[in-house]
Amino acid sequence: MRIVFMGTPDFSVPTLQALVASKHEIAAVVTQPDKPKGRGKAVQMSPVKVTALAYGIPVLQPVRARDEDFIGQIRELAPDVCVVIAFGQILPEELLQIPRYGCVNIHASLLPKYRGASPIQWAVINGDEESGVTTMMMDAGMDTGDMLEKRVIRLDPTETGGSLSDRLSILGGDLILSTLDKIEKGTAVRTPQDHGQATYVKKIPKSLGEIDWTMSAGEIERLIRGLNPWPSAYTYYKGKFLKIWEAGVMSETVDSQASGGGQPEAGSDRHRPSENIESAFCGEVIGVEGDRLNVQTGNGVLSITALQLEGKKRMDTAAFLRGYPVRAGERLGRVPAGQMTEG
């Protein structure tokens, strides 16, 4: 089939590579415009553009996918199908109707669960046992189209947002070839989504990473893994920004495993400390071992094993403690200046 591929980040690259290696023809690649990044604000190409140029594939970079000039370019390309994975723009219905077989999206969740921009992170944060990818026919809604195929994987107990993203990106590259084969043969089965079972997860703001120490140790540990490597979970130590990269759960009095379904509502029980723990003590260092900091949470103790202080490199806790001799009784978080314990 003649394909127009649409994608932008690293997550999209394995699918593009799988299509290049297949029997299909890629007429063009569509990706987001080049953007300034990093401290120097140098203009950089997207990973998909870099890959497309390496294969000699024409690249289109519309500022808005709804622009008539861009829609006209797609119409001139006359694709049999558009393959879309993490493109970053909503496609207008006029464009969706151009390809002979429509537009197929590869979504990083087991739809209808986790529609939206951050399914990978929330699968880890919510403690899901399974995740996967779904191919679906695109319609005018946000991830609401008919499902075609799914691939399911189990999450590792140490799964991070980054590791799950890597695994699902490879899975998506394999799945799209199966889906396109069925579409071409006319054997693809379209399954409408149960909209009543759908959950929606928005783009994750950096502020979500600030640790609320009244949450349980298990919830905080999953938050740390889910937001690794971006935007990362963080707290404060003596007024300085402190990223937490790795941690374990020492104890919890009640199983706090979330049931999934997206971001919890503000004020829910997930954010209330256990009755036998005063919120004033949440975030307090209750023990310092050679390679870990043990911190009281709203339910249980979190043991921090890797962290990064503002202006410093990431390091394990043993290395951190050699430079910063934290003592039991000190507090992590936004502690009012008058309550700060001097070390």
C-alpha atoms as a PDB file:
ATOM      1  CA  MET A   1       0.000   0.000   0.000  1.00  0.00           C
ATOM      2  CA  ARG A   2       0.963   3.619  -0.514  1.00  0.00           C
ATOM      3  CA  ILE A   3       1.354   5.192   2.933  1.00  0.00           C
ATOM      4  CA  VAL A   4       1.655   8.650   4.416  1.00  0.00           C
ATOM      5  CA  PHE A   5       3.251   8.282   7.843  1.00  0.00           C
ATOM      6  CA  MET A   6       2.597  10.810  10.626  1.00  0.00           C
ATOM      7  CA  GLY A   7       4.640  10.873  13.834  1.00  0.00           C
ATOM      8  CA  THR A   8       7.057  13.010  15.805  1.00  0.00           C
ATOM      9  CA  PRO A   9       8.927  11.654  18.882  1.00  0.00           C
ATOM     10  CA  ASP A  10      11.286   8.716  19.451  1.00  0.00           C
ATOM     11  CA  PHE A  11       8.242   6.571  20.239  1.00  0.00           C
ATOM     12  CA  SER A  12       7.173   6.782  16.575  1.00  0.00           C
ATOM     13  CA  VAL A  13      10.506   5.760  15.056  1.00  0.00           C
ATOM     14  CA  PRO A  14      10.287   1.934  15.356  1.00  0.00           C
ATOM     15  CA  THR A  15       6.958   1.989  13.512  1.00  0.00           C
ATOM     16  CA  LEU A  16       8.442   4.083  10.716  1.00  0.00           C
ATOM     17  CA  GLN A  17      11.409   1.716  10.493  1.00  0.00           C
ATOM     18  CA  ALA A  18       9.098  -1.307  10.359  1.00  0.00           C
ATOM     19  CA  LEU A  19       7.170   0.236   7.473  1.00  0.00           C
ATOM     20  CA  VAL A  20      10.363   1.113   5.600  1.00  0.00           C
ATOM     21  CA  ALA A  21      11.483  -2.510   5.856  1.00  0.00           C
ATOM     22  CA  SER A  22       8.108  -3.828   4.689  1.00  0.00           C
ATOM     23  CA  LYS A  23       6.573  -4.275   1.250  1.00  0.00           C
ATOM     24  CA  HIS A  24       4.711  -0.980   1.551  1.00  0.00           C
ATOM     25  CA  GLU A  25       5.625   2.335  -0.085  1.00  0.00           C
ATOM     26  CA  ILE A  26       6.010   5.429   2.094  1.00  0.00           C
ATOM     27  CA  ALA A  27       5.032   8.390  -0.063  1.00  0.00           C
ATOM     28  CA  ALA A  28       5.852  10.997   2.603  1.00  0.00           C
ATOM     29  CA  VAL A  29       6.436  11.510   6.302  1.00  0.00           C
ATOM     30  CA  VAL A  30       4.579  14.204   8.235  1.00  0.00           C
ATOM     31  CA  THR A  31       6.029  15.502  11.496  1.00  0.00           C
ATOM     32  CA  GLN A  32       5.957  18.571  13.720  1.00  0.00           C
ATOM     33  CA  PRO A  33       7.949  21.678  12.734  1.00  0.00           C
ATOM     34  CA  ASP A  34      11.549  21.983  13.942  1.00  0.00           C
ATOM     35  CA  LYS A  35      11.717  23.572  17.396  1.00  0.00           C
ATOM     36  CA  PRO A  36      14.371  25.175  19.609  1.00  0.00           C
ATOM     37  CA  LYS A  37      15.424  22.881  22.448  1.00  0.00           C
ATOM     38  CA  GLY A  38      17.941  22.728  25.253  1.00  0.00           C
ATOM     39  CA  ARG A  39      19.735  25.487  27.071  1.00  0.00           C
ATOM     40  CA  GLY A  40      21.150  26.923  23.887  1.00  0.00           C
ATOM     41  CA  LYS A  41      17.726  26.880  22.203  1.00  0.00           C
ATOM     42  CA  ALA A  42      19.240  25.436  19.045  1.00  0.00           C
ATOM     43  CA  VAL A  43      16.625  24.436  16.485  1.00  0.00           C
ATOM     44  CA  GLN A  44      16.327  20.655  16.313  1.00  0.00           C
ATOM     45  CA  MET A  45      14.543  18.231  14.018  1.00  0.00           C
ATOM     46  CA  SER A  46      12.164  15.677  15.432  1.00  0.00           C
ATOM     47  CA  PRO A  47      13.419  12.075  15.714  1.00  0.00           C
ATOM     48  CA  VAL A  48      10.955  11.068  12.993  1.00  0.00           C
ATOM     49  CA  LYS A  49      12.291  13.715  10.616  1.00  0.00           C
ATOM     50  CA  VAL A  50      15.877  12.617  11.245  1.00  0.00           C
ATOM     51  CA  THR A  51      14.887   9.023  10.474  1.00  0.00           C
ATOM     52  CA  ALA A  52      12.909   9.941   7.356  1.00  0.00           C
ATOM     53  CA  LEU A  53      15.742  11.979   5.900  1.00  0.00           C
ATOM     54  CA  ALA A  54      18.159   9.122   6.537  1.00  0.00           C
ATOM     55  CA  TYR A  55      15.936   6.938   4.345  1.00  0.00           C
ATOM     56  CA  GLY A  56      15.477   9.651   1.721  1.00  0.00           C
ATOM     57  CA  ILE A  57      11.737  10.018   2.357  1.00  0.00           C
ATOM     58  CA  PRO A  58      10.074  13.401   1.645  1.00  0.00           C
ATOM     59  CA  VAL A  59       9.093  15.263   4.810  1.00  0.00           C
ATOM     60  CA  LEU A  60       6.156  17.614   5.392  1.00  0.00           C
ATOM     61  CA  GLN A  61       5.986  19.818   8.521  1.00  0.00           C
ATOM     62  CA  PRO A  62       2.670  21.660   8.741  1.00  0.00           C
ATOM     63  CA  VAL A  63       2.207  24.212  11.478  1.00  0.00           C
ATOM     64  CA  ARG A  64      -1.461  23.227  11.522  1.00  0.00           C
ATOM     65  CA  ALA A  65      -2.801  19.984  10.093  1.00  0.00           C
ATOM     66  CA  ARG A  66      -6.068  21.727   9.226  1.00  0.00           C
ATOM     67  CA  ASP A  67      -4.403  24.214   6.832  1.00  0.00           C
ATOM     68  CA  GLU A  68      -5.841  23.902   3.335  1.00  0.00           C
ATOM     69  CA  ASP A  69      -2.405  23.899   1.681  1.00  0.00           C
ATOM     70  CA  PHE A  70      -1.324  20.891   3.743  1.00  0.00           C
ATOM     71  CA  ILE A  71      -4.591  19.041   3.135  1.00  0.00           C
ATOM     72  CA  GLY A  72      -4.068  19.695  -0.564  1.00  0.00           C
ATOM     73  CA  GLN A  73      -0.575  18.172  -0.385  1.00  0.00           C
ATOM     74  CA  ILE A  74      -1.967  15.008   1.183  1.00  0.00           C
ATOM     75  CA  ARG A  75      -4.657  14.827  -1.458  1.00  0.00           C
ATOM     76  CA  GLU A  76      -2.004  15.076  -4.196  1.00  0.00           C
ATOM     77  CA  LEU A  77      -0.027  12.241  -2.612  1.00  0.00           C
ATOM     78  CA  ALA A  78      -3.138  10.015  -2.942  1.00  0.00           C
ATOM     79  CA  PRO A  79      -2.288   7.611  -0.110  1.00  0.00           C
ATOM     80  CA  ASP A  80      -4.080   4.319   0.363  1.00  0.00           C
ATOM     81  CA  VAL A  81      -3.761   4.792   4.119  1.00  0.00           C
ATOM     82  CA  CYS A  82      -2.306   7.210   6.653  1.00  0.00           C
ATOM     83  CA  VAL A  83      -0.488   5.657   9.609  1.00  0.00           C
ATOM     84  CA  VAL A  84      -0.455   7.932  12.663  1.00  0.00           C
ATOM     85  CA  ILE A  85       1.493   7.423  15.885  1.00  0.00           C
ATOM     86  CA  ALA A  86       2.166  10.209  18.401  1.00  0.00           C
ATOM     87  CA  PHE A  87       1.981  12.898  15.732  1.00  0.00           C
ATOM     88  CA  GLY A  88       0.986  15.648  18.144  1.00  0.00           C
ATOM     89  CA  GLN A  89      -1.841  17.334  16.245  1.00  0.00           C
ATOM     90  CA  ILE A  90      -5.536  16.581  15.834  1.00  0.00           C
ATOM     91  CA  LEU A  91      -6.361  15.702  12.236  1.00  0.00           C
ATOM     92  CA  PRO A  92      -9.401  17.371  10.648  1.00  0.00           C
ATOM     93  CA  GLU A  93     -12.175  15.195   9.283  1.00  0.00           C
ATOM     94  CA  GLU A  94     -11.459  16.448   5.757  1.00  0.00           C
ATOM     95  CA  LEU A  95      -7.996  14.903   5.947  1.00  0.00           C
ATOM     96  CA  LEU A  96      -9.243  11.657   7.527  1.00  0.00           C
ATOM     97  CA  GLN A  97     -11.443  11.064   4.481  1.00  0.00           C
ATOM     98  CA  ILE A  98      -8.643  11.337   1.908  1.00  0.00           C
ATOM     99  CA  PRO A  99      -6.966   7.897   2.100  1.00  0.00           C
ATOM    100  CA  ARG A 100      -8.682   4.996   0.387  1.00  0.00           C
ATOM    101  CA  TYR A 101      -8.584   2.898   3.573  1.00  0.00           C
ATOM    102  CA  GLY A 102      -8.763   5.772   6.033  1.00  0.00           C
ATOM    103  CA  CYS A 103      -6.302   6.710   8.777  1.00  0.00           C
ATOM    104  CA  VAL A 104      -4.992   4.129  11.248  1.00  0.00           C
ATOM    105  CA  ASN A 105      -3.708   5.222  14.641  1.00  0.00           C
ATOM    106  CA  ILE A 106      -1.375   3.274  16.918  1.00  0.00           C
ATOM    107  CA  HIS A 107      -2.228   4.151  20.513  1.00  0.00           C
ATOM    108  CA  ALA A 108      -0.125   3.221  23.543  1.00  0.00           C
ATOM    109  CA  SER A 109      -2.864   1.734  25.706  1.00  0.00           C
ATOM    110  CA  LEU A 110      -5.474  -0.985  25.721  1.00  0.00           C
ATOM    111  CA  LEU A 111      -8.377   1.134  24.566  1.00  0.00           C
ATOM    112  CA  PRO A 112     -10.844   2.338  25.677  1.00  0.00           C
ATOM    113  CA  LYS A 113      -8.718   2.730  28.805  1.00  0.00           C
ATOM    114  CA  TYR A 114      -6.384   5.734  28.813  1.00  0.00           C
ATOM    115  CA  ARG A 115      -7.443   7.785  25.835  1.00  0.00           C
ATOM    116  CA  GLY A 116      -5.403  10.961  25.511  1.00  0.00           C
ATOM    117  CA  ALA A 117      -1.833  12.153  25.790  1.00  0.00           C
ATOM    118  CA  SER A 118      -0.267  10.252  28.705  1.00  0.00           C
ATOM    119  CA  PRO A 119      -1.394   6.609  28.742  1.00  0.00           C
ATOM    120  CA  ILE A 120       2.073   5.190  29.383  1.00  0.00           C
ATOM    121  CA  GLN A 121       2.828   7.197  32.514  1.00  0.00           C
ATOM    122  CA  TRP A 122      -0.590   6.575  34.053  1.00  0.00           C
ATOM    123  CA  ALA A 123      -0.387   2.829  33.507  1.00  0.00           C
ATOM    124  CA  VAL A 124       2.683   2.837  35.780  1.00  0.00           C
ATOM    125  CA  ILE A 125       1.399   5.438  38.245  1.00  0.00           C
ATOM    126  CA  ASN A 126      -1.867   3.559  38.716  1.00  0.00           C
ATOM    127  CA  GLY A 127      -0.123   0.231  39.242  1.00  0.00           C
ATOM    128  CA  ASP A 128      -1.673  -1.544  36.260  1.00  0.00           C
ATOM    129  CA  GLU A 129      -0.565  -5.123  35.749  1.00  0.00           C
ATOM    130  CA  GLU A 130      -0.966  -4.942  31.961  1.00  0.00           C
ATOM    131  CA  SER A 131      -0.546  -2.427  29.184  1.00  0.00           C
ATOM    132  CA  GLY A 132      -0.237  -2.637  25.425  1.00  0.00           C
ATOM    133  CA  VAL A 133      -0.934  -1.005  22.090  1.00  0.00           C
ATOM    134  CA  THR A 134      -4.122  -0.716  20.070  1.00  0.00           C
ATOM    135  CA  THR A 135      -4.542  -0.008  16.377  1.00  0.00           C
ATOM    136  CA  MET A 136      -7.758   1.804  15.521  1.00  0.00           C
ATOM    137  CA  MET A 137      -9.500   3.626  12.724  1.00  0.00           C
ATOM    138  CA  MET A 138      -9.359   7.350  13.349  1.00  0.00           C
ATOM    139  CA  ASP A 139     -12.476   9.483  13.541  1.00  0.00           C
ATOM    140  CA  ALA A 140     -13.143  13.078  14.575  1.00  0.00           C
ATOM    141  CA  GLY A 141     -12.968  12.242  18.310  1.00  0.00           C
ATOM    142  CA  MET A 142      -9.970  11.877  20.618  1.00  0.00           C
ATOM    143  CA  ASP A 143      -8.979   8.186  20.416  1.00  0.00           C
ATOM    144  CA  THR A 144     -12.624   7.190  19.964  1.00  0.00           C
ATOM    145  CA  GLY A 145     -12.467   5.240  16.691  1.00  0.00           C
ATOM    146  CA  ASP A 146     -13.172   1.571  16.100  1.00  0.00           C
ATOM    147  CA  MET A 147     -10.448  -0.768  17.383  1.00  0.00           C
ATOM    148  CA  LEU A 148      -8.691  -3.135  14.993  1.00  0.00           C
ATOM    149  CA  GLU A 149      -6.040  -5.116  16.899  1.00  0.00           C
ATOM    150  CA  LYS A 150      -4.315  -5.186  20.285  1.00  0.00           C
ATOM    151  CA  ARG A 151      -1.074  -6.476  21.729  1.00  0.00           C
ATOM    152  CA  VAL A 152      -0.820  -6.952  25.496  1.00  0.00           C
ATOM    153  CA  ILE A 153       2.252  -7.021  27.750  1.00  0.00           C
ATOM    154  CA  ARG A 154       2.672  -7.376  31.513  1.00  0.00           C
ATOM    155  CA  LEU A 155       4.384  -4.607  33.430  1.00  0.00           C
ATOM    156  CA  ASP A 156       7.537  -5.393  35.351  1.00  0.00           C
ATOM    157  CA  PRO A 157       7.502  -4.521  39.093  1.00  0.00           C
ATOM    158  CA  THR A 158      10.313  -2.030  38.395  1.00  0.00           C
ATOM    159  CA  GLU A 159       8.730  -0.645  35.197  1.00  0.00           C
ATOM    160  CA  THR A 160       9.268   3.056  34.550  1.00  0.00           C
ATOM    161  CA  GLY A 161       7.526   5.369  32.148  1.00  0.00           C
ATOM    162  CA  GLY A 162      10.663   5.281  30.011  1.00  0.00           C
ATOM    163  CA  SER A 163      11.054   1.505  29.932  1.00  0.00           C
ATOM    164  CA  LEU A 164       7.372   0.951  29.160  1.00  0.00           C
ATOM    165  CA  SER A 165       7.534   3.531  26.365  1.00  0.00           C
ATOM    166  CA  ASP A 166      10.481   1.681  24.811  1.00  0.00           C
ATOM    167  CA  ARG A 167       8.688  -1.655  24.977  1.00  0.00           C
ATOM    168  CA  LEU A 168       5.416  -0.342  23.540  1.00  0.00           C
ATOM    169  CA  SER A 169       7.152   1.505  20.720  1.00  0.00           C
ATOM    170  CA  ILE A 170       8.652  -1.765  19.482  1.00  0.00           C
ATOM    171  CA  LEU A 171       5.302  -3.490  19.899  1.00  0.00           C
ATOM    172  CA  GLY A 172       3.612  -0.821  17.786  1.00  0.00           C
ATOM    173  CA  GLY A 173       6.018  -1.402  14.914  1.00  0.00           C
ATOM    174  CA  ASP A 174       5.150  -5.105  14.872  1.00  0.00           C
ATOM    175  CA  LEU A 175       1.407  -4.593  15.223  1.00  0.00           C
ATOM    176  CA  ILE A 176       0.959  -2.108  12.384  1.00  0.00           C
ATOM    177  CA  LEU A 177       2.207  -4.597   9.787  1.00  0.00           C
ATOM    178  CA  SER A 178      -0.375  -7.138  10.906  1.00  0.00           C
ATOM    179  CA  THR A 179      -3.130  -4.533  10.866  1.00  0.00           C
ATOM    180  CA  LEU A 180      -2.262  -3.211   7.403  1.00  0.00           C
ATOM    181  CA  ASP A 181      -2.138  -6.745   6.028  1.00  0.00           C
ATOM    182  CA  LYS A 182      -5.663  -7.419   7.288  1.00  0.00           C
ATOM    183  CA  ILE A 183      -6.946  -4.073   5.959  1.00  0.00           C
ATOM    184  CA  GLU A 184      -5.496  -4.799   2.528  1.00  0.00           C
ATOM    185  CA  LYS A 185      -7.017  -8.302   2.452  1.00  0.00           C
ATOM    186  CA  GLY A 186     -10.374  -7.061   3.712  1.00  0.00           C
ATOM    187  CA  THR A 187     -10.243  -9.256   6.822  1.00  0.00           C
ATOM    188  CA  ALA A 188      -9.796  -6.509   9.424  1.00  0.00           C
ATOM    189  CA  VAL A 189     -12.479  -6.561  12.110  1.00  0.00           C
ATOM    190  CA  ARG A 190     -13.634  -3.196  13.441  1.00  0.00           C
ATOM    191  CA  THR A 191     -14.743  -3.289  17.065  1.00  0.00           C
ATOM    192  CA  PRO A 192     -16.528  -0.190  18.415  1.00  0.00           C
ATOM    193  CA  GLN A 193     -15.208   1.068  21.729  1.00  0.00           C
ATOM    194  CA  ASP A 194     -17.361   0.920  24.843  1.00  0.00           C
ATOM    195  CA  HIS A 195     -17.406   4.642  25.569  1.00  0.00           C
ATOM    196  CA  GLY A 196     -18.841   3.970  29.022  1.00  0.00           C
ATOM    197  CA  GLN A 197     -15.573   2.247  29.972  1.00  0.00           C
ATOM    198  CA  ALA A 198     -13.329   4.986  28.596  1.00  0.00           C
ATOM    199  CA  THR A 199     -10.891   7.031  30.655  1.00  0.00           C
ATOM    200  CA  TYR A 200      -9.084  10.141  29.468  1.00  0.00           C
ATOM    201  CA  VAL A 201      -5.609  11.272  30.542  1.00  0.00           C
ATOM    202  CA  LYS A 202      -4.357  14.742  29.678  1.00  0.00           C
ATOM    203  CA  LYS A 203      -0.814  15.832  28.970  1.00  0.00           C
ATOM    204  CA  ILE A 204       1.194  15.574  32.186  1.00  0.00           C
ATOM    205  CA  PRO A 205       2.301  18.906  33.683  1.00  0.00           C
ATOM    206  CA  LYS A 206       5.632  19.152  35.485  1.00  0.00           C
ATOM    207  CA  SER A 207       3.760  20.052  38.660  1.00  0.00           C
ATOM    208  CA  LEU A 208       2.358  16.519  38.886  1.00  0.00           C
ATOM    209  CA  GLY A 209       5.849  15.390  39.861  1.00  0.00           C
ATOM    210  CA  GLU A 210       5.852  17.225  43.197  1.00  0.00           C
ATOM    211  CA  ILE A 211       5.579  14.534  45.851  1.00  0.00           C
ATOM    212  CA  ASP A 212       2.701  14.813  48.298  1.00  0.00           C
ATOM    213  CA  TRP A 213       4.101  13.033  51.330  1.00  0.00           C
ATOM    214  CA  THR A 214       0.612  12.410  52.736  1.00  0.00           C
ATOM    215  CA  MET A 215       0.121   9.861  49.948  1.00  0.00           C
ATOM    216  CA  SER A 216       1.074   6.264  50.664  1.00  0.00           C
ATOM    217  CA  ALA A 217       4.560   4.888  50.101  1.00  0.00           C
ATOM    218  CA  GLY A 218       3.239   2.670  47.301  1.00  0.00           C
ATOM    219  CA  GLU A 219       1.571   5.547  45.482  1.00  0.00           C
ATOM    220  CA  ILE A 220       4.694   7.693  45.728  1.00  0.00           C
ATOM    221  CA  GLU A 221       6.919   4.855  44.533  1.00  0.00           C
ATOM    222  CA  ARG A 222       4.714   4.352  41.471  1.00  0.00           C
ATOM    223  CA  LEU A 223       4.663   8.090  40.817  1.00  0.00           C
ATOM    224  CA  ILE A 224       8.477   8.094  40.844  1.00  0.00           C
ATOM    225  CA  ARG A 225       8.618   5.253  38.331  1.00  0.00           C
ATOM    226  CA  GLY A 226       5.812   6.574  36.140  1.00  0.00           C
ATOM    227  CA  LEU A 227       7.414  10.019  35.754  1.00  0.00           C
ATOM    228  CA  ASN A 228      10.901   8.625  35.075  1.00  0.00           C
ATOM    229  CA  PRO A 229      12.546  10.036  32.951  1.00  0.00           C
ATOM    230  CA  TRP A 230      10.134  12.951  32.387  1.00  0.00           C
ATOM    231  CA  PRO A 231       9.040  15.122  34.042  1.00  0.00           C
ATOM    232  CA  SER A 232      10.424  13.232  37.083  1.00  0.00           C
ATOM    233  CA  ALA A 233       9.131  13.145  40.653  1.00  0.00           C
ATOM    234  CA  TYR A 234      10.585  15.725  42.994  1.00  0.00           C
ATOM    235  CA  THR A 235      10.533  17.250  46.443  1.00  0.00           C
ATOM    236  CA  TYR A 236      12.656  19.796  48.338  1.00  0.00           C
ATOM    237  CA  TYR A 237      15.523  19.465  50.793  1.00  0.00           C
ATOM    238  CA  LYS A 238      16.346  22.596  52.807  1.00  0.00           C
ATOM    239  CA  GLY A 239      14.691  24.692  50.132  1.00  0.00           C
ATOM    240  CA  LYS A 240      16.574  23.073  47.230  1.00  0.00           C
ATOM    241  CA  PHE A 241      14.908  21.185  44.387  1.00  0.00           C
ATOM    242  CA  LEU A 242      15.459  17.436  44.807  1.00  0.00           C
ATOM    243  CA  LYS A 243      14.572  14.872  42.138  1.00  0.00           C
ATOM    244  CA  ILE A 244      13.814  11.354  43.325  1.00  0.00           C
ATOM    245  CA  TRP A 245      14.807   8.750  40.751  1.00  0.00           C
ATOM    246  CA  GLU A 246      14.505   5.426  42.554  1.00  0.00           C
ATOM    247  CA  ALA A 247      12.820   4.265  45.727  1.00  0.00           C
ATOM    248  CA  GLY A 248      11.278   1.228  47.354  1.00  0.00           C
ATOM    249  CA  VAL A 249       8.417   0.586  49.741  1.00  0.00           C
ATOM    250  CA  MET A 250       9.541  -0.552  53.183  1.00  0.00           C
ATOM    251  CA  SER A 251       6.092  -0.966  54.671  1.00  0.00           C
ATOM    252  CA  GLU A 252       2.417  -0.113  54.270  1.00  0.00           C
ATOM    253  CA  THR A 253      -0.388  -0.848  56.703  1.00  0.00           C
ATOM    254  CA  VAL A 254      -3.052  -0.983  53.983  1.00  0.00           C
ATOM    255  CA  ASP A 255      -2.824  -2.018  50.349  1.00  0.00           C
ATOM    256  CA  SER A 256      -2.986   1.292  48.465  1.00  0.00           C
ATOM    257  CA  GLN A 257      -2.843  -0.141  44.957  1.00  0.00           C
ATOM    258  CA  ALA A 258      -4.817   2.169  42.684  1.00  0.00           C
ATOM    259  CA  SER A 259      -7.559   0.710  40.564  1.00  0.00           C
ATOM    260  CA  GLY A 260      -6.512   2.576  37.432  1.00  0.00           C
ATOM    261  CA  GLY A 261      -8.566   4.926  35.343  1.00  0.00           C
ATOM    262  CA  GLY A 262      -6.515   8.100  35.167  1.00  0.00           C
ATOM    263  CA  GLN A 263      -5.663  10.888  37.522  1.00  0.00           C
ATOM    264  CA  PRO A 264      -7.376  10.632  40.935  1.00  0.00           C
ATOM    265  CA  GLU A 265      -9.771  13.354  41.937  1.00  0.00           C
ATOM    266  CA  ALA A 266      -8.470  16.033  44.259  1.00  0.00           C
ATOM    267  CA  GLY A 267      -9.402  15.322  47.858  1.00  0.00           C
ATOM    268  CA  SER A 268      -9.888  11.589  47.305  1.00  0.00           C
ATOM    269  CA  ASP A 269      -8.856   9.005  49.899  1.00  0.00           C
ATOM    270  CA  ARG A 270      -5.660   8.393  47.958  1.00  0.00           C
ATOM    271  CA  HIS A 271      -4.357  11.704  49.312  1.00  0.00           C
ATOM    272  CA  ARG A 272      -5.312  11.234  52.962  1.00  0.00           C
ATOM    273  CA  PRO A 273      -2.742   9.978  55.466  1.00  0.00           C
ATOM    274  CA  SER A 274      -3.410   6.892  57.533  1.00  0.00           C
ATOM    275  CA  GLU A 275      -5.319   7.668  60.732  1.00  0.00           C
ATOM    276  CA  ASN A 276      -2.332   6.795  62.929  1.00  0.00           C
ATOM    277  CA  ILE A 277       0.013   9.195  61.095  1.00  0.00           C
ATOM    278  CA  GLU A 278      -0.271  12.949  61.559  1.00  0.00           C
ATOM    279  CA  SER A 279       0.224  14.840  58.295  1.00  0.00           C
ATOM    280  CA  ALA A 280       2.755  17.055  60.085  1.00  0.00           C
ATOM    281  CA  PHE A 281       5.178  14.108  60.149  1.00  0.00           C
ATOM    282  CA  CYS A 282       4.732  13.068  56.523  1.00  0.00           C
ATOM    283  CA  GLY A 283       7.977  13.711  54.662  1.00  0.00           C
ATOM    284  CA  GLU A 284      10.106  13.301  57.789  1.00  0.00           C
ATOM    285  CA  VAL A 285      13.332  11.312  57.509  1.00  0.00           C
ATOM    286  CA  ILE A 286      12.949   8.556  60.104  1.00  0.00           C
ATOM    287  CA  GLY A 287      16.114   6.617  59.324  1.00  0.00           C
ATOM    288  CA  VAL A 288      19.407   7.030  57.460  1.00  0.00           C
ATOM    289  CA  GLU A 289      21.210   3.901  56.292  1.00  0.00           C
ATOM    290  CA  GLY A 290      24.379   3.611  54.264  1.00  0.00           C
ATOM    291  CA  ASP A 291      22.609   3.506  50.912  1.00  0.00           C
ATOM    292  CA  ARG A 292      19.108   4.788  51.586  1.00  0.00           C
ATOM    293  CA  LEU A 293      16.942   7.458  53.163  1.00  0.00           C
ATOM    294  CA  ASN A 294      13.814   6.203  54.880  1.00  0.00           C
ATOM    295  CA  VAL A 295      10.976   8.732  54.780  1.00  0.00           C
ATOM    296  CA  GLN A 296       7.612   8.610  56.533  1.00  0.00           C
ATOM    297  CA  THR A 297       4.595   8.899  54.227  1.00  0.00           C
ATOM    298  CA  GLY A 298       0.880   9.003  54.872  1.00  0.00           C
ATOM    299  CA  ASN A 299       0.894   5.211  54.835  1.00  0.00           C
ATOM    300  CA  GLY A 300       4.171   3.358  55.226  1.00  0.00           C
ATOM    301  CA  VAL A 301       7.816   4.220  54.724  1.00  0.00           C
ATOM    302  CA  LEU A 302       9.492   5.100  51.414  1.00  0.00           C
ATOM    303  CA  SER A 303      13.144   4.128  51.046  1.00  0.00           C
ATOM    304  CA  ILE A 304      14.977   6.454  48.622  1.00  0.00           C
ATOM    305  CA  THR A 305      17.925   4.882  46.782  1.00  0.00           C
ATOM    306  CA  ALA A 306      18.742   7.330  43.931  1.00  0.00           C
ATOM    307  CA  LEU A 307      18.254  11.099  43.776  1.00  0.00           C
ATOM    308  CA  GLN A 308      19.545  14.355  42.324  1.00  0.00           C
ATOM    309  CA  LEU A 309      19.932  17.640  44.178  1.00  0.00           C
ATOM    310  CA  GLU A 310      19.493  20.942  42.384  1.00  0.00           C
ATOM    311  CA  GLY A 311      22.652  21.762  40.389  1.00  0.00           C
ATOM    312  CA  LYS A 312      24.129  18.280  40.874  1.00  0.00           C
ATOM    313  CA  LYS A 313      24.241  15.052  38.904  1.00  0.00           C
ATOM    314  CA  ARG A 314      22.085  12.037  39.578  1.00  0.00           C
ATOM    315  CA  MET A 315      23.650   9.778  42.218  1.00  0.00           C
ATOM    316  CA  ASP A 316      22.815   6.886  44.473  1.00  0.00           C
ATOM    317  CA  THR A 317      21.875   7.713  48.043  1.00  0.00           C
ATOM    318  CA  ALA A 318      25.189   6.468  49.443  1.00  0.00           C
ATOM    319  CA  ALA A 319      27.079   9.016  47.345  1.00  0.00           C
ATOM    320  CA  PHE A 320      24.585  11.743  48.237  1.00  0.00           C
ATOM    321  CA  LEU A 321      24.978  11.120  51.962  1.00  0.00           C
ATOM    322  CA  ARG A 322      28.745  11.530  51.744  1.00  0.00           C
ATOM    323  CA  GLY A 323      28.218  15.130  50.685  1.00  0.00           C
ATOM    324  CA  TYR A 324      25.007  15.846  52.568  1.00  0.00           C
ATOM    325  CA  PRO A 325      24.850  14.123  55.975  1.00  0.00           C
ATOM    326  CA  VAL A 326      21.085  14.019  56.341  1.00  0.00           C
ATOM    327  CA  ARG A 327      19.873  13.214  59.842  1.00  0.00           C
ATOM    328  CA  ALA A 328      16.741  11.585  61.186  1.00  0.00           C
ATOM    329  CA  GLY A 329      14.141  14.218  61.991  1.00  0.00           C
ATOM    330  CA  GLU A 330      14.854  16.388  58.949  1.00  0.00           C
ATOM    331  CA  ARG A 331      11.993  17.041  56.548  1.00  0.00           C
ATOM    332  CA  LEU A 332      11.546  16.738  52.801  1.00  0.00           C
ATOM    333  CA  GLY A 333       9.064  18.919  50.963  1.00  0.00           C
ATOM    334  CA  ARG A 334       7.912  22.506  51.121  1.00  0.00           C
ATOM    335  CA  VAL A 335       8.613  22.972  54.821  1.00  0.00           C
ATOM    336  CA  PRO A 336       8.007  26.478  56.188  1.00  0.00           C
ATOM    337  CA  ALA A 337      11.320  28.175  57.021  1.00  0.00           C
ATOM    338  CA  GLY A 338      10.515  28.327  60.732  1.00  0.00           C
ATOM    339  CA  GLN A 339      10.046  24.554  60.864  1.00  0.00           C
ATOM    340  CA  MET A 340      13.191  23.656  58.918  1.00  0.00           C
ATOM    341  CA  THR A 341      15.686  21.496  60.802  1.00  0.00           C
ATOM    342  CA  GLU A 342      19.236  22.638  60.401  1.00  0.00           C
ATOM    343  CA  GLY A 343      21.709  19.926  59.423  1.00  0.00           C
END
